[in-house]
């Protein structure tokens, strides 16, 4: 007689989340590639583990939705109904960086306490948003638009390096940028002999370049001033870039410059919420017409390289080689070619008092 077969149920297999098997170091590597502060905020709401890891990321990108004006000190209550300044000379750039991160408003901590995941977001301040991140090394902030209002077709781009004060600034401008018709040839101007034409001084050309220069320096110094609380709250920072969606201006600070910023007292302008612009030496180069790669034609091409005067500058000594490298690498694409072409032109020296 054969024994009766017995049927046994297989033991219930426990479902294992394979993502939980990844070490924290690998998860942080993934989160560092996310960068965007909105997406990181959403990740924080996924689990308790993510909630604890997101503040440890090294690379963060903040996209500012809008810029508004404020009265008084930048630390005061924010005025969300104020209009955004488009012309920095008329408004003197009394602006505060604000970011609206709507997806975060209703998020709650995964520990069940019922409190908001990022309680500071109700104030919409980038400095407050970033206070939850404790290990930021590389920070990039993007404004919604450039600070300097220009007419349609006019080119104006600038890049500035700062420590506790201005160290380097380069401005690239052009009275008109347009597409060169295929097959057309540009006839060289009789005034283009390598020198500044007489008409440059009489038709307002020089005055326009002075306005570009002052406007760009005010924009850079205002951005620099508004970064002070972020730099103070994040001693781990080694790279800080503040740019805009239009690609008009970029302020950058490296590890040494951030260290120098923390060690020296910030010199604020008495008339507005911006850093004092030191007395500067400027080198201006001009070409009435440049043909750039990609079929781009640049009229009234102008390059202005700015460095603080040695006396009274806290920027330290910067070698000529470093300055030239900064200028040549300030812009990308066809505008890099424009800088290279302008660097070969005759140099005109100007001086400017601090303001």
C-alpha atoms as a PDB file:
ATOM      1  CA  UNK A   1       0.000   0.000   0.000  1.00  0.00           C
ATOM      2  CA  UNK A   2       1.455   3.312  -1.082  1.00  0.00           C
ATOM      3  CA  UNK A   3       1.668   6.075   1.490  1.00  0.00           C
ATOM      4  CA  UNK A   4      -0.781   8.929   0.984  1.00  0.00           C
ATOM      5  CA  UNK A   5       0.853  11.965  -0.587  1.00  0.00           C
ATOM      6  CA  UNK A   6       0.765  15.105   1.469  1.00  0.00           C
ATOM      7  CA  UNK A   7       0.491  18.525  -0.061  1.00  0.00           C
ATOM      8  CA  UNK A   8       2.260  21.308   1.749  1.00  0.00           C
ATOM      9  CA  UNK A   9       1.727  24.994   0.928  1.00  0.00           C
ATOM     10  CA  UNK A  10       4.867  26.887   0.017  1.00  0.00           C
ATOM     11  CA  UNK A  11       5.954  29.324   2.678  1.00  0.00           C
ATOM     12  CA  UNK A  12       4.851  32.882   1.941  1.00  0.00           C
ATOM     13  CA  UNK A  13       7.692  34.692   0.241  1.00  0.00           C
ATOM     14  CA  UNK A  14       8.386  38.031   1.856  1.00  0.00           C
ATOM     15  CA  UNK A  15       8.399  40.888  -0.635  1.00  0.00           C
ATOM     16  CA  UNK A  16      11.714  42.677  -0.449  1.00  0.00           C
ATOM     17  CA  UNK A  17      12.132  46.213  -1.786  1.00  0.00           C
ATOM     18  CA  UNK A  18      15.370  45.947  -3.736  1.00  0.00           C
ATOM     19  CA  UNK A  19      15.901  49.710  -3.470  1.00  0.00           C
ATOM     20  CA  UNK A  20      16.259  49.274   0.294  1.00  0.00           C
ATOM     21  CA  UNK A  21      19.266  47.079  -0.404  1.00  0.00           C
ATOM     22  CA  UNK A  22      21.176  49.993  -1.912  1.00  0.00           C
ATOM     23  CA  UNK A  23      23.641  51.644   0.469  1.00  0.00           C
ATOM     24  CA  UNK A  24      23.044  55.259   1.489  1.00  0.00           C
ATOM     25  CA  UNK A  25      26.149  56.377  -0.392  1.00  0.00           C
ATOM     26  CA  UNK A  26      24.696  55.116  -3.690  1.00  0.00           C
ATOM     27  CA  UNK A  27      21.283  56.682  -3.018  1.00  0.00           C
ATOM     28  CA  UNK A  28      23.013  60.000  -2.302  1.00  0.00           C
ATOM     29  CA  UNK A  29      24.876  59.697  -5.594  1.00  0.00           C
ATOM     30  CA  UNK A  30      21.529  59.356  -7.350  1.00  0.00           C
ATOM     31  CA  UNK A  31      20.010  62.282  -5.448  1.00  0.00           C
ATOM     32  CA  UNK A  32      23.018  64.463  -6.288  1.00  0.00           C
ATOM     33  CA  UNK A  33      22.173  63.991  -9.961  1.00  0.00           C
ATOM     34  CA  UNK A  34      18.606  65.174  -9.327  1.00  0.00           C
ATOM     35  CA  UNK A  35      19.853  68.626  -8.172  1.00  0.00           C
ATOM     36  CA  UNK A  36      16.539  70.471  -8.668  1.00  0.00           C
ATOM     37  CA  UNK A  37      15.257  71.613  -5.284  1.00  0.00           C
ATOM     38  CA  UNK A  38      11.617  70.969  -6.227  1.00  0.00           C
ATOM     39  CA  UNK A  39      12.318  67.380  -7.207  1.00  0.00           C
ATOM     40  CA  UNK A  40      14.405  66.861  -4.089  1.00  0.00           C
ATOM     41  CA  UNK A  41      11.493  68.111  -2.013  1.00  0.00           C
ATOM     42  CA  UNK A  42       9.226  65.542  -3.619  1.00  0.00           C
ATOM     43  CA  UNK A  43      11.801  62.825  -2.965  1.00  0.00           C
ATOM     44  CA  UNK A  44      11.809  63.787   0.710  1.00  0.00           C
ATOM     45  CA  UNK A  45       8.137  62.866   0.940  1.00  0.00           C
ATOM     46  CA  UNK A  46       8.682  59.333  -0.385  1.00  0.00           C
ATOM     47  CA  UNK A  47       9.966  57.709   2.808  1.00  0.00           C
ATOM     48  CA  UNK A  48      11.648  58.310   6.138  1.00  0.00           C
ATOM     49  CA  UNK A  49      14.929  57.204   4.605  1.00  0.00           C
ATOM     50  CA  UNK A  50      14.721  59.770   1.799  1.00  0.00           C
ATOM     51  CA  UNK A  51      13.608  62.384   4.309  1.00  0.00           C
ATOM     52  CA  UNK A  52      16.894  61.876   6.138  1.00  0.00           C
ATOM     53  CA  UNK A  53      19.101  61.633   3.034  1.00  0.00           C
ATOM     54  CA  UNK A  54      17.890  64.583   0.933  1.00  0.00           C
ATOM     55  CA  UNK A  55      19.364  67.228   3.290  1.00  0.00           C
ATOM     56  CA  UNK A  56      22.791  65.577   2.790  1.00  0.00           C
ATOM     57  CA  UNK A  57      23.027  66.127  -0.979  1.00  0.00           C
ATOM     58  CA  UNK A  58      26.019  68.084  -2.304  1.00  0.00           C
ATOM     59  CA  UNK A  59      24.616  69.536  -5.551  1.00  0.00           C
ATOM     60  CA  UNK A  60      21.512  71.734  -5.557  1.00  0.00           C
ATOM     61  CA  UNK A  61      19.831  73.809  -8.268  1.00  0.00           C
ATOM     62  CA  UNK A  62      17.218  76.460  -7.389  1.00  0.00           C
ATOM     63  CA  UNK A  63      15.023  77.983 -10.090  1.00  0.00           C
ATOM     64  CA  UNK A  64      13.599  81.343  -9.000  1.00  0.00           C
ATOM     65  CA  UNK A  65      10.078  81.822 -10.338  1.00  0.00           C
ATOM     66  CA  UNK A  66       9.888  85.572  -9.882  1.00  0.00           C
ATOM     67  CA  UNK A  67      11.762  88.567  -8.526  1.00  0.00           C
ATOM     68  CA  UNK A  68      10.003  91.295  -6.560  1.00  0.00           C
ATOM     69  CA  UNK A  69      11.024  94.620  -5.080  1.00  0.00           C
ATOM     70  CA  UNK A  70      11.035  95.275  -1.361  1.00  0.00           C
ATOM     71  CA  UNK A  71      11.276  98.414   0.726  1.00  0.00           C
ATOM     72  CA  UNK A  72      13.878  98.556   3.420  1.00  0.00           C
ATOM     73  CA  UNK A  73      16.264  95.790   4.391  1.00  0.00           C
ATOM     74  CA  UNK A  74      16.190  92.541   2.462  1.00  0.00           C
ATOM     75  CA  UNK A  75      15.578  90.674   5.712  1.00  0.00           C
ATOM     76  CA  UNK A  76      12.260  92.449   6.289  1.00  0.00           C
ATOM     77  CA  UNK A  77       8.813  91.067   5.545  1.00  0.00           C
ATOM     78  CA  UNK A  78       8.513  90.193   1.867  1.00  0.00           C
ATOM     79  CA  UNK A  79       6.131  92.074  -0.357  1.00  0.00           C
ATOM     80  CA  UNK A  80       4.694  89.487  -2.731  1.00  0.00           C
ATOM     81  CA  UNK A  81       2.514  91.967  -4.603  1.00  0.00           C
ATOM     82  CA  UNK A  82       5.293  94.263  -5.757  1.00  0.00           C
ATOM     83  CA  UNK A  83       6.032  94.376  -9.482  1.00  0.00           C
ATOM     84  CA  UNK A  84       9.198  92.859 -10.887  1.00  0.00           C
ATOM     85  CA  UNK A  85      11.797  95.464 -11.943  1.00  0.00           C
ATOM     86  CA  UNK A  86      12.718  95.368 -15.580  1.00  0.00           C
ATOM     87  CA  UNK A  87      15.041  98.381 -15.687  1.00  0.00           C
ATOM     88  CA  UNK A  88      17.687  98.317 -13.001  1.00  0.00           C
ATOM     89  CA  UNK A  89      18.512 102.006 -13.321  1.00  0.00           C
ATOM     90  CA  UNK A  90      14.943 103.169 -12.677  1.00  0.00           C
ATOM     91  CA  UNK A  91      14.407 100.801  -9.745  1.00  0.00           C
ATOM     92  CA  UNK A  92      18.027 100.707  -8.535  1.00  0.00           C
ATOM     93  CA  UNK A  93      17.559  96.979  -8.225  1.00  0.00           C
ATOM     94  CA  UNK A  94      15.995  96.841  -4.752  1.00  0.00           C
ATOM     95  CA  UNK A  95      15.107  93.214  -5.343  1.00  0.00           C
ATOM     96  CA  UNK A  96      14.720  90.080  -3.324  1.00  0.00           C
ATOM     97  CA  UNK A  97      15.073  86.584  -4.695  1.00  0.00           C
ATOM     98  CA  UNK A  98      11.887  84.582  -4.191  1.00  0.00           C
ATOM     99  CA  UNK A  99      11.008  81.072  -5.212  1.00  0.00           C
ATOM    100  CA  UNK A 100       7.497  79.675  -5.350  1.00  0.00           C
ATOM    101  CA  UNK A 101       7.609  75.948  -4.741  1.00  0.00           C
ATOM    102  CA  UNK A 102       3.935  75.010  -4.751  1.00  0.00           C
ATOM    103  CA  UNK A 103       4.353  71.210  -4.694  1.00  0.00           C
ATOM    104  CA  UNK A 104       5.950  71.486  -1.239  1.00  0.00           C
ATOM    105  CA  UNK A 105       3.167  73.421   0.459  1.00  0.00           C
ATOM    106  CA  UNK A 106       0.964  70.448   1.326  1.00  0.00           C
ATOM    107  CA  UNK A 107       3.707  67.904   1.917  1.00  0.00           C
ATOM    108  CA  UNK A 108       3.920  66.430   5.392  1.00  0.00           C
ATOM    109  CA  UNK A 109       6.710  64.740   7.240  1.00  0.00           C
ATOM    110  CA  UNK A 110       6.646  60.939   6.814  1.00  0.00           C
ATOM    111  CA  UNK A 111       7.011  60.498  10.579  1.00  0.00           C
ATOM    112  CA  UNK A 112       3.305  61.271  10.931  1.00  0.00           C
ATOM    113  CA  UNK A 113       3.769  64.364  13.042  1.00  0.00           C
ATOM    114  CA  UNK A 114       1.580  66.316  10.631  1.00  0.00           C
ATOM    115  CA  UNK A 115       4.015  69.218  10.311  1.00  0.00           C
ATOM    116  CA  UNK A 116       5.060  70.511   6.886  1.00  0.00           C
ATOM    117  CA  UNK A 117       8.067  68.829   5.343  1.00  0.00           C
ATOM    118  CA  UNK A 118       9.715  72.193   4.676  1.00  0.00           C
ATOM    119  CA  UNK A 119       8.051  74.727   7.008  1.00  0.00           C
ATOM    120  CA  UNK A 120      10.282  77.548   5.736  1.00  0.00           C
ATOM    121  CA  UNK A 121       8.759  77.386   2.243  1.00  0.00           C
ATOM    122  CA  UNK A 122       5.818  79.496   3.347  1.00  0.00           C
ATOM    123  CA  UNK A 123       8.191  82.482   3.124  1.00  0.00           C
ATOM    124  CA  UNK A 124       9.330  81.589  -0.420  1.00  0.00           C
ATOM    125  CA  UNK A 125      12.909  82.706   0.268  1.00  0.00           C
ATOM    126  CA  UNK A 126      15.730  80.685  -1.345  1.00  0.00           C
ATOM    127  CA  UNK A 127      17.832  81.130   1.792  1.00  0.00           C
ATOM    128  CA  UNK A 128      15.048  79.617   3.891  1.00  0.00           C
ATOM    129  CA  UNK A 129      14.371  76.821   1.413  1.00  0.00           C
ATOM    130  CA  UNK A 130      18.038  75.844   1.476  1.00  0.00           C
ATOM    131  CA  UNK A 131      18.357  75.810   5.267  1.00  0.00           C
ATOM    132  CA  UNK A 132      17.188  72.183   5.315  1.00  0.00           C
ATOM    133  CA  UNK A 133      20.245  71.210   3.254  1.00  0.00           C
ATOM    134  CA  UNK A 134      23.269  70.812   5.489  1.00  0.00           C
ATOM    135  CA  UNK A 135      25.983  69.561   3.128  1.00  0.00           C
ATOM    136  CA  UNK A 136      25.663  71.675  -0.036  1.00  0.00           C
ATOM    137  CA  UNK A 137      28.935  72.029  -1.934  1.00  0.00           C
ATOM    138  CA  UNK A 138      27.801  73.160  -5.380  1.00  0.00           C
ATOM    139  CA  UNK A 139      24.871  75.552  -5.599  1.00  0.00           C
ATOM    140  CA  UNK A 140      23.377  77.027  -8.771  1.00  0.00           C
ATOM    141  CA  UNK A 141      20.560  79.578  -8.637  1.00  0.00           C
ATOM    142  CA  UNK A 142      18.721  80.797 -11.726  1.00  0.00           C
ATOM    143  CA  UNK A 143      16.682  83.996 -11.916  1.00  0.00           C
ATOM    144  CA  UNK A 144      13.691  84.218 -14.278  1.00  0.00           C
ATOM    145  CA  UNK A 145      15.280  86.905 -16.479  1.00  0.00           C
ATOM    146  CA  UNK A 146      18.197  89.303 -16.831  1.00  0.00           C
ATOM    147  CA  UNK A 147      18.360  92.426 -14.674  1.00  0.00           C
ATOM    148  CA  UNK A 148      19.307  94.980 -17.329  1.00  0.00           C
ATOM    149  CA  UNK A 149      16.589  96.087 -19.717  1.00  0.00           C
ATOM    150  CA  UNK A 150      17.743  96.375 -23.339  1.00  0.00           C
ATOM    151  CA  UNK A 151      16.066  97.062 -26.659  1.00  0.00           C
ATOM    152  CA  UNK A 152      15.167  94.186 -28.936  1.00  0.00           C
ATOM    153  CA  UNK A 153      18.143  92.947 -30.942  1.00  0.00           C
ATOM    154  CA  UNK A 154      20.730  94.392 -28.556  1.00  0.00           C
ATOM    155  CA  UNK A 155      23.287  92.001 -27.057  1.00  0.00           C
ATOM    156  CA  UNK A 156      24.394  92.414 -23.458  1.00  0.00           C
ATOM    157  CA  UNK A 157      26.106  89.647 -21.496  1.00  0.00           C
ATOM    158  CA  UNK A 158      28.274  89.832 -18.397  1.00  0.00           C
ATOM    159  CA  UNK A 159      30.138  87.527 -16.050  1.00  0.00           C
ATOM    160  CA  UNK A 160      31.576  88.533 -12.683  1.00  0.00           C
ATOM    161  CA  UNK A 161      33.785  86.891 -10.069  1.00  0.00           C
ATOM    162  CA  UNK A 162      33.346  87.945  -6.452  1.00  0.00           C
ATOM    163  CA  UNK A 163      34.951  87.330  -3.102  1.00  0.00           C
ATOM    164  CA  UNK A 164      33.947  89.841  -0.445  1.00  0.00           C
ATOM    165  CA  UNK A 165      34.029  92.375  -3.281  1.00  0.00           C
ATOM    166  CA  UNK A 166      34.396  92.446  -7.056  1.00  0.00           C
ATOM    167  CA  UNK A 167      37.460  90.623  -8.381  1.00  0.00           C
ATOM    168  CA  UNK A 168      36.811  90.359 -12.120  1.00  0.00           C
ATOM    169  CA  UNK A 169      34.066  91.316 -14.529  1.00  0.00           C
ATOM    170  CA  UNK A 170      33.768  91.033 -18.286  1.00  0.00           C
ATOM    171  CA  UNK A 171      30.981  92.550 -20.405  1.00  0.00           C
ATOM    172  CA  UNK A 172      30.206  91.667 -24.012  1.00  0.00           C
ATOM    173  CA  UNK A 173      27.833  93.943 -25.893  1.00  0.00           C
ATOM    174  CA  UNK A 174      26.583  94.672 -29.375  1.00  0.00           C
ATOM    175  CA  UNK A 175      24.172  97.240 -30.762  1.00  0.00           C
ATOM    176  CA  UNK A 176      22.525  94.590 -32.938  1.00  0.00           C
ATOM    177  CA  UNK A 177      22.635  90.819 -33.376  1.00  0.00           C
ATOM    178  CA  UNK A 178      21.109  89.343 -36.501  1.00  0.00           C
ATOM    179  CA  UNK A 179      21.380  86.455 -38.902  1.00  0.00           C
ATOM    180  CA  UNK A 180      23.648  86.977 -41.866  1.00  0.00           C
ATOM    181  CA  UNK A 181      21.908  86.118 -45.171  1.00  0.00           C
ATOM    182  CA  UNK A 182      23.392  83.051 -46.850  1.00  0.00           C
ATOM    183  CA  UNK A 183      25.873  83.992 -49.558  1.00  0.00           C
ATOM    184  CA  UNK A 184      26.005  87.670 -48.609  1.00  0.00           C
ATOM    185  CA  UNK A 185      29.317  89.402 -48.122  1.00  0.00           C
ATOM    186  CA  UNK A 186      29.934  92.248 -45.703  1.00  0.00           C
ATOM    187  CA  UNK A 187      31.933  95.153 -47.045  1.00  0.00           C
ATOM    188  CA  UNK A 188      34.446  96.397 -44.464  1.00  0.00           C
ATOM    189  CA  UNK A 189      33.712  99.878 -43.173  1.00  0.00           C
ATOM    190  CA  UNK A 190      36.114 102.616 -44.168  1.00  0.00           C
ATOM    191  CA  UNK A 191      36.202 103.614 -40.474  1.00  0.00           C
ATOM    192  CA  UNK A 192      37.331 100.170 -39.348  1.00  0.00           C
ATOM    193  CA  UNK A 193      41.086 100.733 -39.218  1.00  0.00           C
ATOM    194  CA  UNK A 194      41.535  99.062 -35.837  1.00  0.00           C
ATOM    195  CA  UNK A 195      40.966 102.294 -33.928  1.00  0.00           C
ATOM    196  CA  UNK A 196      37.844 103.762 -32.382  1.00  0.00           C
ATOM    197  CA  UNK A 197      36.058 105.803 -35.069  1.00  0.00           C
ATOM    198  CA  UNK A 198      35.355 109.474 -34.386  1.00  0.00           C
ATOM    199  CA  UNK A 199      31.646 108.810 -34.721  1.00  0.00           C
ATOM    200  CA  UNK A 200      31.851 106.516 -31.681  1.00  0.00           C
ATOM    201  CA  UNK A 201      32.333 109.577 -29.461  1.00  0.00           C
ATOM    202  CA  UNK A 202      29.844 111.878 -31.199  1.00  0.00           C
ATOM    203  CA  UNK A 203      26.815 109.642 -31.806  1.00  0.00           C
ATOM    204  CA  UNK A 204      26.426 108.385 -28.224  1.00  0.00           C
ATOM    205  CA  UNK A 205      28.323 105.126 -28.742  1.00  0.00           C
ATOM    206  CA  UNK A 206      30.672 105.664 -25.786  1.00  0.00           C
ATOM    207  CA  UNK A 207      27.832 106.855 -23.546  1.00  0.00           C
ATOM    208  CA  UNK A 208      25.870 103.694 -24.333  1.00  0.00           C
ATOM    209  CA  UNK A 209      28.832 101.502 -23.334  1.00  0.00           C
ATOM    210  CA  UNK A 210      29.172 103.398 -20.059  1.00  0.00           C
ATOM    211  CA  UNK A 211      25.486 102.732 -19.324  1.00  0.00           C
ATOM    212  CA  UNK A 212      25.963  99.038 -20.109  1.00  0.00           C
ATOM    213  CA  UNK A 213      28.959  98.887 -17.790  1.00  0.00           C
ATOM    214  CA  UNK A 214      27.341 100.663 -14.831  1.00  0.00           C
ATOM    215  CA  UNK A 215      24.093  98.701 -15.229  1.00  0.00           C
ATOM    216  CA  UNK A 216      25.916  95.364 -15.308  1.00  0.00           C
ATOM    217  CA  UNK A 217      28.015  96.244 -12.259  1.00  0.00           C
ATOM    218  CA  UNK A 218      24.906  97.274 -10.316  1.00  0.00           C
ATOM    219  CA  UNK A 219      23.214  94.009 -11.291  1.00  0.00           C
ATOM    220  CA  UNK A 220      26.257  91.971 -10.218  1.00  0.00           C
ATOM    221  CA  UNK A 221      26.696  93.816  -6.916  1.00  0.00           C
ATOM    222  CA  UNK A 222      22.995  93.429  -6.078  1.00  0.00           C
ATOM    223  CA  UNK A 223      23.115  89.687  -6.704  1.00  0.00           C
ATOM    224  CA  UNK A 224      26.248  89.441  -4.587  1.00  0.00           C
ATOM    225  CA  UNK A 225      24.621  91.282  -1.674  1.00  0.00           C
ATOM    226  CA  UNK A 226      21.567  89.037  -1.713  1.00  0.00           C
ATOM    227  CA  UNK A 227      23.725  85.902  -1.430  1.00  0.00           C
ATOM    228  CA  UNK A 228      25.170  86.809   1.960  1.00  0.00           C
ATOM    229  CA  UNK A 229      22.661  84.851   4.086  1.00  0.00           C
ATOM    230  CA  UNK A 230      23.017  81.748   1.884  1.00  0.00           C
ATOM    231  CA  UNK A 231      26.807  81.826   2.183  1.00  0.00           C
ATOM    232  CA  UNK A 232      26.581  82.326   5.937  1.00  0.00           C
ATOM    233  CA  UNK A 233      24.183  79.398   6.404  1.00  0.00           C
ATOM    234  CA  UNK A 234      26.218  76.948   4.273  1.00  0.00           C
ATOM    235  CA  UNK A 235      29.888  76.744   5.312  1.00  0.00           C
ATOM    236  CA  UNK A 236      30.320  73.618   3.154  1.00  0.00           C
ATOM    237  CA  UNK A 237      29.834  75.585  -0.091  1.00  0.00           C
ATOM    238  CA  UNK A 238      32.745  75.366  -2.533  1.00  0.00           C
ATOM    239  CA  UNK A 239      31.008  76.651  -5.681  1.00  0.00           C
ATOM    240  CA  UNK A 240      28.199  79.181  -6.059  1.00  0.00           C
ATOM    241  CA  UNK A 241      26.730  80.377  -9.365  1.00  0.00           C
ATOM    242  CA  UNK A 242      23.886  82.861  -9.752  1.00  0.00           C
ATOM    243  CA  UNK A 243      22.647  83.201 -13.321  1.00  0.00           C
ATOM    244  CA  UNK A 244      19.405  83.954 -15.178  1.00  0.00           C
ATOM    245  CA  UNK A 245      17.191  82.191 -17.697  1.00  0.00           C
ATOM    246  CA  UNK A 246      18.031  84.773 -20.387  1.00  0.00           C
ATOM    247  CA  UNK A 247      21.743  84.038 -20.080  1.00  0.00           C
ATOM    248  CA  UNK A 248      22.433  87.735 -19.613  1.00  0.00           C
ATOM    249  CA  UNK A 249      24.523  87.722 -16.447  1.00  0.00           C
ATOM    250  CA  UNK A 250      26.392  85.225 -14.302  1.00  0.00           C
ATOM    251  CA  UNK A 251      27.952  85.752 -10.881  1.00  0.00           C
ATOM    252  CA  UNK A 252      30.323  83.013  -9.740  1.00  0.00           C
ATOM    253  CA  UNK A 253      32.262  82.304  -6.561  1.00  0.00           C
ATOM    254  CA  UNK A 254      34.771  79.498  -6.018  1.00  0.00           C
ATOM    255  CA  UNK A 255      36.031  77.906  -2.816  1.00  0.00           C
ATOM    256  CA  UNK A 256      38.750  80.508  -2.208  1.00  0.00           C
ATOM    257  CA  UNK A 257      36.399  83.388  -2.938  1.00  0.00           C
ATOM    258  CA  UNK A 258      33.737  82.013  -0.591  1.00  0.00           C
ATOM    259  CA  UNK A 259      36.353  81.674   2.140  1.00  0.00           C
ATOM    260  CA  UNK A 260      37.480  85.255   1.568  1.00  0.00           C
ATOM    261  CA  UNK A 261      33.842  86.407   1.663  1.00  0.00           C
ATOM    262  CA  UNK A 262      33.353  84.865   5.106  1.00  0.00           C
ATOM    263  CA  UNK A 263      36.585  86.286   6.498  1.00  0.00           C
ATOM    264  CA  UNK A 264      36.078  89.892   5.390  1.00  0.00           C
ATOM    265  CA  UNK A 265      33.372  92.378   6.223  1.00  0.00           C
ATOM    266  CA  UNK A 266      30.977  93.040   3.371  1.00  0.00           C
ATOM    267  CA  UNK A 267      31.058  96.632   2.153  1.00  0.00           C
ATOM    268  CA  UNK A 268      27.451  97.603   1.410  1.00  0.00           C
ATOM    269  CA  UNK A 269      26.373 100.551  -0.689  1.00  0.00           C
ATOM    270  CA  UNK A 270      24.775 103.361   1.304  1.00  0.00           C
ATOM    271  CA  UNK A 271      22.053 103.987  -1.289  1.00  0.00           C
ATOM    272  CA  UNK A 272      20.603 100.532  -1.945  1.00  0.00           C
ATOM    273  CA  UNK A 273      20.714  96.831  -1.074  1.00  0.00           C
ATOM    274  CA  UNK A 274      23.853  95.934  -2.966  1.00  0.00           C
ATOM    275  CA  UNK A 275      27.583  95.563  -2.412  1.00  0.00           C
ATOM    276  CA  UNK A 276      29.794  98.614  -2.884  1.00  0.00           C
ATOM    277  CA  UNK A 277      31.433  98.621  -6.313  1.00  0.00           C
ATOM    278  CA  UNK A 278      35.142  99.476  -5.809  1.00  0.00           C
ATOM    279  CA  UNK A 279      37.148 101.881  -7.921  1.00  0.00           C
ATOM    280  CA  UNK A 280      37.995 100.031 -11.118  1.00  0.00           C
ATOM    281  CA  UNK A 281      40.294 100.024 -14.108  1.00  0.00           C
ATOM    282  CA  UNK A 282      38.635  99.095 -17.388  1.00  0.00           C
ATOM    283  CA  UNK A 283      39.906  97.949 -20.749  1.00  0.00           C
ATOM    284  CA  UNK A 284      37.528  98.565 -23.652  1.00  0.00           C
ATOM    285  CA  UNK A 285      37.835  96.927 -27.064  1.00  0.00           C
ATOM    286  CA  UNK A 286      35.603  97.675 -30.018  1.00  0.00           C
ATOM    287  CA  UNK A 287      34.838  96.381 -33.505  1.00  0.00           C
ATOM    288  CA  UNK A 288      32.115  97.909 -35.711  1.00  0.00           C
ATOM    289  CA  UNK A 289      31.229  94.506 -37.184  1.00  0.00           C
ATOM    290  CA  UNK A 290      31.995  90.868 -36.422  1.00  0.00           C
ATOM    291  CA  UNK A 291      30.954  87.717 -38.248  1.00  0.00           C
ATOM    292  CA  UNK A 292      30.421  84.890 -35.776  1.00  0.00           C
ATOM    293  CA  UNK A 293      30.009  81.137 -36.295  1.00  0.00           C
ATOM    294  CA  UNK A 294      26.523  79.968 -37.153  1.00  0.00           C
ATOM    295  CA  UNK A 295      25.788  82.823 -39.534  1.00  0.00           C
ATOM    296  CA  UNK A 296      25.510  85.427 -36.769  1.00  0.00           C
ATOM    297  CA  UNK A 297      26.469  89.039 -37.402  1.00  0.00           C
ATOM    298  CA  UNK A 298      27.298  91.315 -34.455  1.00  0.00           C
ATOM    299  CA  UNK A 299      27.310  95.058 -34.983  1.00  0.00           C
ATOM    300  CA  UNK A 300      28.974  97.500 -32.602  1.00  0.00           C
ATOM    301  CA  UNK A 301      30.778  94.652 -30.832  1.00  0.00           C
ATOM    302  CA  UNK A 302      32.253  95.771 -27.519  1.00  0.00           C
ATOM    303  CA  UNK A 303      34.276  93.989 -24.848  1.00  0.00           C
ATOM    304  CA  UNK A 304      34.869  95.591 -21.441  1.00  0.00           C
ATOM    305  CA  UNK A 305      37.229  93.904 -18.969  1.00  0.00           C
ATOM    306  CA  UNK A 306      36.979  95.302 -15.435  1.00  0.00           C
ATOM    307  CA  UNK A 307      39.281  94.863 -12.456  1.00  0.00           C
ATOM    308  CA  UNK A 308      39.338  96.745  -9.155  1.00  0.00           C
ATOM    309  CA  UNK A 309      42.126  99.241  -8.675  1.00  0.00           C
ATOM    310  CA  UNK A 310      44.882  97.696  -6.553  1.00  0.00           C
ATOM    311  CA  UNK A 311      44.481 100.288  -3.814  1.00  0.00           C
ATOM    312  CA  UNK A 312      41.578  99.535  -1.492  1.00  0.00           C
ATOM    313  CA  UNK A 313      40.711  96.191  -3.065  1.00  0.00           C
ATOM    314  CA  UNK A 314      40.090  93.119  -0.886  1.00  0.00           C
ATOM    315  CA  UNK A 315      40.133  90.793  -3.835  1.00  0.00           C
ATOM    316  CA  UNK A 316      43.796  89.876  -3.448  1.00  0.00           C
ATOM    317  CA  UNK A 317      46.327  89.615  -6.245  1.00  0.00           C
ATOM    318  CA  UNK A 318      45.075  88.004  -9.444  1.00  0.00           C
ATOM    319  CA  UNK A 319      47.667  87.267 -12.107  1.00  0.00           C
ATOM    320  CA  UNK A 320      47.340  88.537 -15.658  1.00  0.00           C
ATOM    321  CA  UNK A 321      47.219  84.940 -16.890  1.00  0.00           C
ATOM    322  CA  UNK A 322      44.268  84.151 -14.622  1.00  0.00           C
ATOM    323  CA  UNK A 323      42.471  87.296 -15.756  1.00  0.00           C
ATOM    324  CA  UNK A 324      42.937  86.449 -19.432  1.00  0.00           C
ATOM    325  CA  UNK A 325      41.702  82.905 -18.803  1.00  0.00           C
ATOM    326  CA  UNK A 326      38.620  84.296 -17.064  1.00  0.00           C
ATOM    327  CA  UNK A 327      37.850  86.635 -19.970  1.00  0.00           C
ATOM    328  CA  UNK A 328      38.398  84.057 -22.710  1.00  0.00           C
ATOM    329  CA  UNK A 329      36.248  81.476 -20.913  1.00  0.00           C
ATOM    330  CA  UNK A 330      33.469  83.819 -19.812  1.00  0.00           C
ATOM    331  CA  UNK A 331      31.030  82.934 -22.594  1.00  0.00           C
ATOM    332  CA  UNK A 332      30.209  79.917 -24.741  1.00  0.00           C
ATOM    333  CA  UNK A 333      29.380  79.282 -28.369  1.00  0.00           C
ATOM    334  CA  UNK A 334      29.673  82.094 -30.912  1.00  0.00           C
ATOM    335  CA  UNK A 335      30.146  84.659 -28.158  1.00  0.00           C
ATOM    336  CA  UNK A 336      33.354  82.922 -27.111  1.00  0.00           C
ATOM    337  CA  UNK A 337      34.552  83.504 -30.666  1.00  0.00           C
ATOM    338  CA  UNK A 338      33.514  87.181 -30.389  1.00  0.00           C
ATOM    339  CA  UNK A 339      35.609  87.617 -27.236  1.00  0.00           C
ATOM    340  CA  UNK A 340      38.607  86.000 -28.923  1.00  0.00           C
ATOM    341  CA  UNK A 341      38.285  88.334 -31.920  1.00  0.00           C
ATOM    342  CA  UNK A 342      37.871  91.434 -29.751  1.00  0.00           C
ATOM    343  CA  UNK A 343      40.894  90.533 -27.626  1.00  0.00           C
ATOM    344  CA  UNK A 344      43.018  91.208 -30.721  1.00  0.00           C
ATOM    345  CA  UNK A 345      41.683  94.741 -31.126  1.00  0.00           C
ATOM    346  CA  UNK A 346      43.232  97.935 -29.800  1.00  0.00           C
ATOM    347  CA  UNK A 347      42.746  98.533 -26.062  1.00  0.00           C
ATOM    348  CA  UNK A 348      41.339 101.753 -24.585  1.00  0.00           C
ATOM    349  CA  UNK A 349      41.881 102.348 -20.881  1.00  0.00           C
ATOM    350  CA  UNK A 350      39.268 103.918 -18.626  1.00  0.00           C
ATOM    351  CA  UNK A 351      38.985 104.498 -14.890  1.00  0.00           C
ATOM    352  CA  UNK A 352      35.898 104.569 -12.722  1.00  0.00           C
ATOM    353  CA  UNK A 353      35.375 105.671  -9.128  1.00  0.00           C
ATOM    354  CA  UNK A 354      33.650 103.378  -6.660  1.00  0.00           C
ATOM    355  CA  UNK A 355      29.934 103.747  -6.128  1.00  0.00           C
END
